[in-house]
Amino acid sequence: MNGSERAERVARYAEEVVSRDELVSLLETNDHPTAYIGFEPSGYLHIGSLLVPSLTINAMLDEGFSVTILLADWHALINDKLGGNIGKIRECGRYMADAFAFACRNRPGLKFAFATELVGESDYWAELIRNAKCASLQRLKRAMTIMGRNEDEAELDSSKLLYPLMQVTDIFRLGVDVAYAGMDQRRAHMLAREVAEASGRSKPIAIHTPLLSSLKSTSRMDVAVSKMSKSDPGSAIYVHDSEETINVKLKKAFCPREAHGNPVLDICKYIILPYTGKLEIHRDSKYGGDAVFTAFEPLVESYSKGELHPADLKNGVGSGLWQILRPFHEHYTDDTSLLEWMNSVEVTR
């Protein structure tokens, strides 16, 4: 299989690849490509933070990548997660590692690392300083949006400025070919490419996948602002939720007659169709009878025309989502210790 076809498979769920030509070249010339994705251990995993990235992680593993999931404990501390308690953050990291191992079937090529391991290396901070010499203060402050923070917050807590520099340094320390994340991390990856160019190093390829809208989203909101949040149970469907809980949350979800900012259609597009290949709608014949959608565009067209009622769409999404999440729910039911500690921790943004 040539590099172009392999790149297409790796990036088929991506919103952006910087750059696709570089990815094709990598897959044509490197038999053992490497990638990483970083996560702050900060609370329950929801369908946007586990199921969406797992699609691309598994696609990379299929194409022979070695993929490191970095459990960014020091980054979570800087970002004031879990009350700034590093012990709790690391325990949460172990919960996350278990979930991703389960989602990716603990396949060969999947690796886990804590940021503590990188930070503890003797020359980590020396490299961070060298990277800082290639980036202006203004550029670092612009990149702070990757934390869900605004530029002014660095005036109150200067450790926030270390965050984007640490992400850049992590990429170089891991020595990966590809940096992967959601679109909200784009500025960090672009900063890494700029630093690489300024310092004469190989630029990491960046792959970005879409963000899943909050169930409370409105079509007028910026998805980057209104993304599904682990700290707001009403905005998110957790991967351990029961079928009943999933349906209750979907029943309350915002669901306008358009695709933009519609969290229910987002779930169809980014989770149900990629995982199962179809969305099944079951309804009485007087309301049009059963329907099956195997592509997103016909679904949007039918829904926008009023041929598909929001309640029927939500019921179909609930059934399809439960089909995907049931193994996760059973995983946590079989071993209750996996959630017992998480249930006792106050989750903060």
Protein backbone atom coordinates (compact mmCIF):
# COMPACT_ATOMS: atom_id res chain seq x y z
CA MET A 1 0.00 0.00 0.00
CA ASN A 2 1.47 3.38 -0.97
CA GLY A 3 2.02 6.31 1.35
CA SER A 4 -0.95 8.29 0.04
CA GLU A 5 -3.42 5.50 0.76
CA ARG A 6 -1.94 4.87 4.20
CA ALA A 7 -2.06 8.58 5.02
CA GLU A 8 -5.70 8.67 3.97
CA ARG A 9 -6.50 5.89 6.42
CA VAL A 10 -4.54 7.48 9.27
CA ALA A 11 -6.18 10.88 8.76
CA ARG A 12 -9.69 9.83 7.74
CA TYR A 13 -11.20 11.18 10.96
CA ALA A 14 -9.08 14.35 11.00
CA GLU A 15 -10.27 17.89 10.48
CA GLU A 16 -6.76 19.04 9.63
CA VAL A 17 -3.33 17.61 8.84
CA VAL A 18 -0.28 19.87 8.79
CA SER A 19 0.80 18.81 6.36
CA ARG A 20 -0.70 15.93 4.43
CA ASP A 21 2.26 15.84 2.02
CA GLU A 22 4.59 15.41 5.01
CA LEU A 23 2.45 12.55 6.32
CA VAL A 24 2.51 10.81 2.95
CA SER A 25 6.29 11.19 2.78
CA LEU A 26 6.68 9.83 6.32
CA LEU A 27 4.67 6.72 5.51
CA GLU A 28 6.61 6.15 2.31
CA THR A 29 10.03 6.41 3.93
CA ASN A 30 9.63 5.24 7.54
CA ASP A 31 8.65 1.69 8.45
CA HIS A 32 8.31 2.55 12.15
CA PRO A 33 6.60 5.96 12.49
CA THR A 34 5.85 7.37 15.92
CA ALA A 35 3.11 9.58 17.31
CA TYR A 36 1.89 10.96 20.61
CA ILE A 37 -1.20 12.47 22.15
CA GLY A 38 -1.27 14.11 25.57
CA PHE A 39 -4.10 14.26 28.10
CA GLU A 40 -4.46 16.11 31.38
CA PRO A 41 -5.65 13.64 34.04
CA SER A 42 -8.46 15.72 35.45
CA GLY A 43 -11.69 13.75 35.68
CA TYR A 44 -14.04 11.28 34.08
CA LEU A 45 -13.54 10.42 30.43
CA HIS A 46 -16.44 11.21 28.16
CA ILE A 47 -17.22 10.08 24.63
CA GLY A 48 -15.38 13.08 23.13
CA SER A 49 -12.21 12.57 25.15
CA LEU A 50 -11.99 8.78 24.74
CA LEU A 51 -13.99 7.50 21.77
CA VAL A 52 -13.07 10.24 19.28
CA PRO A 53 -9.27 10.09 19.80
CA SER A 54 -9.32 6.28 20.02
CA LEU A 55 -10.48 6.13 16.41
CA THR A 56 -7.33 7.86 15.17
CA ILE A 57 -5.06 6.13 17.67
CA ASN A 58 -6.31 2.75 16.40
CA ALA A 59 -5.96 3.93 12.78
CA MET A 60 -2.33 4.80 13.49
CA LEU A 61 -1.71 1.45 15.16
CA ASP A 62 -3.21 -0.24 12.09
CA GLU A 63 -0.59 1.49 9.94
CA GLY A 64 2.35 0.41 12.08
CA PHE A 65 2.71 3.49 14.27
CA SER A 66 4.03 3.36 17.79
CA VAL A 67 1.68 5.69 19.72
CA THR A 68 2.51 7.16 23.13
CA ILE A 69 -0.31 8.46 25.30
CA LEU A 70 1.26 11.06 27.58
CA LEU A 71 -0.53 11.44 30.90
CA ALA A 72 0.31 15.08 31.46
CA ASP A 73 0.33 15.24 35.26
CA TRP A 74 2.51 18.34 35.59
CA HIS A 75 0.45 20.10 32.95
CA ALA A 76 -2.72 19.33 34.92
CA LEU A 77 -1.06 20.75 38.04
CA ILE A 78 -0.20 23.98 36.23
CA ASN A 79 -3.79 24.12 34.97
CA ASP A 80 -5.16 23.79 38.53
CA LYS A 81 -6.90 20.46 37.91
CA LEU A 82 -8.10 18.29 40.82
CA GLY A 83 -7.31 21.08 43.26
CA GLY A 84 -3.66 21.09 42.21
CA ASN A 85 -3.12 17.81 44.09
CA ILE A 86 -0.42 15.95 42.15
CA GLY A 87 -1.19 12.67 43.91
CA LYS A 88 -4.82 12.77 42.83
CA ILE A 89 -3.82 13.81 39.33
CA ARG A 90 -1.54 10.78 39.00
CA GLU A 91 -4.23 8.42 40.28
CA CYS A 92 -6.57 9.88 37.67
CA GLY A 93 -3.84 9.24 35.10
CA ARG A 94 -3.90 5.54 35.96
CA TYR A 95 -7.69 5.52 35.46
CA MET A 96 -7.20 7.13 32.04
CA ALA A 97 -4.49 4.66 31.04
CA ASP A 98 -6.80 1.75 31.84
CA ALA A 99 -9.59 3.27 29.73
CA PHE A 100 -7.40 3.87 26.68
CA ALA A 101 -5.84 0.43 26.97
CA PHE A 102 -9.37 -1.02 26.95
CA ALA A 103 -10.52 1.19 24.04
CA CYS A 104 -7.44 0.27 21.99
CA ARG A 105 -7.44 -3.40 23.06
CA ASN A 106 -4.01 -2.91 24.63
CA ARG A 107 -2.47 -3.47 21.22
CA PRO A 108 1.23 -3.72 20.48
CA GLY A 109 2.58 -0.29 19.68
CA LEU A 110 0.46 1.47 22.32
CA LYS A 111 2.55 3.02 25.09
CA PHE A 112 1.84 5.14 28.15
CA ALA A 113 4.07 7.66 29.90
CA PHE A 114 3.61 10.21 32.65
CA ALA A 115 4.97 13.70 32.12
CA THR A 116 6.82 13.20 35.41
CA GLU A 117 9.08 10.73 33.63
CA LEU A 118 10.07 13.36 31.05
CA VAL A 119 10.38 16.23 33.52
CA GLY A 120 12.60 14.09 35.72
CA GLU A 121 15.22 13.71 33.00
CA SER A 122 18.29 15.78 33.80
CA ASP A 123 18.30 17.89 30.66
CA TYR A 124 14.54 18.41 30.22
CA TRP A 125 14.56 21.95 31.58
CA ALA A 126 17.69 22.86 29.65
CA GLU A 127 15.87 21.89 26.47
CA LEU A 128 12.77 23.80 27.54
CA ILE A 129 14.88 26.93 27.97
CA ARG A 130 16.39 26.44 24.52
CA ASN A 131 12.88 26.14 23.11
CA ALA A 132 11.80 29.26 25.01
CA LYS A 133 14.59 31.18 23.29
CA CYS A 134 12.75 30.51 19.99
CA ALA A 135 9.36 31.85 21.13
CA SER A 136 8.23 35.33 22.12
CA LEU A 137 6.19 36.08 25.22
CA GLN A 138 3.31 37.21 23.01
CA ARG A 139 3.40 33.89 21.13
CA LEU A 140 3.30 31.90 24.37
CA LYS A 141 0.37 33.91 25.69
CA ARG A 142 -1.57 33.31 22.47
CA ALA A 143 -0.97 29.59 22.87
CA MET A 144 -2.52 29.55 26.34
CA THR A 145 -5.93 28.87 24.81
CA ILE A 146 -4.80 25.20 24.61
CA MET A 147 -5.39 25.12 28.38
CA GLY A 148 -8.84 26.61 28.16
CA ARG A 149 -7.33 29.81 29.56
CA ASN A 150 -7.08 33.37 28.30
CA GLU A 151 -3.91 35.40 27.92
CA ASP A 152 -4.58 37.61 30.95
CA GLU A 153 -4.41 34.68 33.38
CA ALA A 154 -0.63 34.57 32.97
CA GLU A 155 -0.55 37.95 34.74
CA LEU A 156 -1.84 36.24 37.90
CA ASP A 157 0.00 32.92 37.60
CA SER A 158 3.16 32.93 35.50
CA SER A 159 3.43 29.11 35.63
CA LYS A 160 0.72 29.13 32.93
CA LEU A 161 3.37 30.31 30.46
CA LEU A 162 5.31 27.10 31.02
CA TYR A 163 2.43 24.99 29.75
CA PRO A 164 2.84 25.53 25.98
CA LEU A 165 6.62 25.35 26.34
CA MET A 166 6.28 22.00 28.11
CA GLN A 167 4.06 20.66 25.31
CA VAL A 168 6.64 21.68 22.75
CA THR A 169 9.44 20.15 24.80
CA ASP A 170 7.45 16.94 25.32
CA ILE A 171 7.15 16.49 21.55
CA PHE A 172 10.90 16.83 21.07
CA ARG A 173 11.79 14.68 24.09
CA LEU A 174 9.54 11.88 22.87
CA GLY A 175 11.09 12.23 19.42
CA VAL A 176 7.79 11.62 17.63
CA ASP A 177 7.04 12.11 13.97
CA VAL A 178 3.40 13.08 14.57
CA ALA A 179 1.72 15.18 17.26
CA TYR A 180 -1.98 14.33 17.47
CA ALA A 181 -4.78 16.06 19.40
CA GLY A 182 -8.13 17.76 19.08
CA MET A 183 -8.44 21.08 17.29
CA ASP A 184 -8.16 22.91 20.61
CA GLN A 185 -4.46 21.95 20.77
CA ARG A 186 -3.61 23.34 17.36
CA ARG A 187 -1.68 26.36 18.64
CA ALA A 188 0.68 24.18 20.67
CA HIS A 189 1.49 22.06 17.65
CA MET A 190 2.02 25.08 15.44
CA LEU A 191 4.33 26.51 18.10
CA ALA A 192 6.30 23.24 18.08
CA ARG A 193 6.68 23.46 14.30
CA GLU A 194 7.85 27.07 14.56
CA VAL A 195 10.38 26.22 17.27
CA ALA A 196 11.61 23.25 15.24
CA GLU A 197 12.14 25.41 12.18
CA ALA A 198 13.92 28.11 14.18
CA SER A 199 16.22 25.58 15.82
CA GLY A 200 16.93 23.48 12.74
CA ARG A 201 15.04 20.40 13.86
CA SER A 202 12.56 18.24 12.00
CA LYS A 203 9.06 19.66 12.25
CA PRO A 204 6.43 17.38 13.80
CA ILE A 205 3.47 16.57 11.58
CA ALA A 206 0.25 17.72 13.27
CA ILE A 207 -3.06 15.86 13.08
CA HIS A 208 -6.16 17.44 14.57
CA THR A 209 -9.58 15.87 15.01
CA PRO A 210 -12.87 17.70 15.65
CA LEU A 211 -14.19 18.62 19.07
CA LEU A 212 -17.48 17.17 20.20
CA SER A 213 -20.08 19.80 21.08
CA SER A 214 -21.50 20.08 24.59
CA LEU A 215 -24.99 18.62 24.96
CA LYS A 216 -25.90 22.12 26.17
CA SER A 217 -24.42 23.75 23.06
CA THR A 218 -26.29 26.21 20.92
CA SER A 219 -25.66 26.70 17.20
CA ARG A 220 -24.48 30.24 17.90
CA MET A 221 -21.66 29.13 20.18
CA ASP A 222 -18.07 28.48 19.15
CA VAL A 223 -17.55 24.72 19.41
CA ALA A 224 -14.07 25.28 20.86
CA VAL A 225 -15.75 27.13 23.73
CA SER A 226 -18.81 24.89 24.04
CA LYS A 227 -17.08 21.53 23.74
CA MET A 228 -18.18 18.59 25.84
CA SER A 229 -16.73 19.00 29.34
CA LYS A 230 -15.80 16.24 31.76
CA SER A 231 -16.56 18.55 34.69
CA ASP A 232 -20.16 19.25 33.65
CA PRO A 233 -22.27 16.06 33.76
CA GLY A 234 -25.08 17.77 31.89
CA SER A 235 -22.81 18.60 28.97
CA ALA A 236 -21.19 15.20 28.55
CA ILE A 237 -21.90 11.51 28.18
CA TYR A 238 -19.35 9.63 30.25
CA VAL A 239 -17.99 6.36 28.96
CA HIS A 240 -19.22 4.56 32.08
CA ASP A 241 -22.81 5.89 31.85
CA SER A 242 -25.69 3.42 31.90
CA GLU A 243 -28.13 3.10 29.01
CA GLU A 244 -30.77 4.91 31.05
CA THR A 245 -28.41 7.78 31.88
CA ILE A 246 -27.39 8.12 28.24
CA ASN A 247 -31.01 8.39 27.12
CA VAL A 248 -31.90 10.90 29.84
CA LYS A 249 -28.98 13.13 28.84
CA LEU A 250 -29.83 12.89 25.15
CA LYS A 251 -33.46 13.71 25.82
CA LYS A 252 -32.36 17.05 27.29
CA ALA A 253 -29.73 17.74 24.62
CA PHE A 254 -29.86 20.76 22.34
CA CYS A 255 -30.90 19.57 18.88
CA PRO A 256 -31.68 22.29 16.29
CA ARG A 257 -32.69 21.56 12.69
CA GLU A 258 -29.13 22.08 11.46
CA ALA A 259 -25.80 20.31 11.70
CA HIS A 260 -23.62 23.17 12.98
CA GLY A 261 -23.34 23.09 16.76
CA ASN A 262 -25.80 20.20 17.00
CA PRO A 263 -24.35 17.81 19.61
CA VAL A 264 -26.71 14.96 18.70
CA LEU A 265 -25.68 15.04 15.04
CA ASP A 266 -22.05 15.44 16.17
CA ILE A 267 -22.33 12.10 17.98
CA CYS A 268 -23.67 10.52 14.79
CA LYS A 269 -20.91 11.97 12.63
CA TYR A 270 -17.89 11.52 14.87
CA ILE A 271 -18.78 8.40 16.84
CA ILE A 272 -21.72 6.24 15.72
CA LEU A 273 -21.06 6.18 11.96
CA PRO A 274 -17.28 5.63 12.32
CA TYR A 275 -17.71 2.90 14.95
CA THR A 276 -20.76 1.04 13.63
CA GLY A 277 -21.16 2.20 10.02
CA LYS A 278 -24.84 3.04 10.40
CA LEU A 279 -27.48 4.85 12.41
CA GLU A 280 -30.71 2.90 12.82
CA ILE A 281 -33.98 4.73 13.44
CA HIS A 282 -36.90 2.69 14.75
CA ARG A 283 -40.33 4.34 14.61
CA ASP A 284 -43.98 3.58 13.91
CA SER A 285 -45.00 3.28 10.25
CA LYS A 286 -47.29 6.30 10.59
CA TYR A 287 -44.19 8.39 11.29
CA GLY A 288 -42.27 7.01 8.32
CA GLY A 289 -41.26 3.60 9.61
CA ASP A 290 -37.75 2.36 10.26
CA ALA A 291 -34.79 4.02 8.52
CA VAL A 292 -31.08 3.30 8.26
CA PHE A 293 -28.44 5.93 7.49
CA THR A 294 -24.96 4.82 6.46
CA ALA A 295 -23.62 8.30 5.61
CA PHE A 296 -23.88 11.64 7.38
CA GLU A 297 -25.10 13.83 4.50
CA PRO A 298 -28.38 11.94 3.90
CA LEU A 299 -29.04 12.01 7.64
CA VAL A 300 -28.58 15.78 7.81
CA GLU A 301 -30.75 16.27 4.74
CA SER A 302 -33.58 14.16 6.15
CA TYR A 303 -33.38 15.83 9.54
CA SER A 304 -33.17 19.41 8.20
CA LYS A 305 -36.22 18.81 5.99
CA GLY A 306 -38.27 17.70 8.99
CA GLU A 307 -38.55 14.11 7.74
CA LEU A 308 -36.90 12.89 10.93
CA HIS A 309 -38.25 14.05 14.30
CA PRO A 310 -35.74 15.14 16.99
CA ALA A 311 -37.13 12.55 19.40
CA ASP A 312 -36.62 9.76 16.86
CA LEU A 313 -33.10 11.01 16.12
CA LYS A 314 -32.26 11.04 19.83
CA ASN A 315 -33.68 7.56 20.35
CA GLY A 316 -31.61 6.23 17.44
CA VAL A 317 -28.49 7.93 18.73
CA GLY A 318 -29.12 6.56 22.22
CA SER A 319 -29.41 3.00 20.90
CA GLY A 320 -26.34 3.35 18.68
CA LEU A 321 -24.27 4.91 21.43
CA TRP A 322 -25.23 2.23 23.93
CA GLN A 323 -24.11 -0.42 21.45
CA ILE A 324 -20.64 1.18 21.54
CA LEU A 325 -20.52 2.03 25.25
CA ARG A 326 -22.00 -1.14 26.70
CA PRO A 327 -18.59 -2.91 26.87
CA PHE A 328 -17.18 0.09 28.77
CA HIS A 329 -20.11 0.10 31.20
CA GLU A 330 -19.61 -3.62 31.80
CA HIS A 331 -15.86 -3.07 32.23
CA TYR A 332 -16.51 -0.65 35.09
CA THR A 333 -19.29 -2.79 36.52
CA ASP A 334 -17.02 -5.86 36.60
CA ASP A 335 -14.27 -3.95 38.40
CA THR A 336 -15.87 -1.30 40.58
CA SER A 337 -12.49 -0.20 41.95
CA LEU A 338 -11.79 1.58 38.67
CA LEU A 339 -14.42 4.21 39.45
CA GLU A 340 -14.56 4.13 43.26
CA TRP A 341 -11.64 6.51 43.65
CA MET A 342 -12.82 8.76 40.83
CA ASN A 343 -16.26 8.98 42.43
CA SER A 344 -14.66 10.34 45.59
CA VAL A 345 -12.68 13.08 43.86
CA GLU A 346 -14.08 16.54 43.29
CA VAL A 347 -13.71 17.15 39.56
CA THR A 348 -12.76 20.70 38.61
CA ARG A 349 -12.39 22.40 35.26
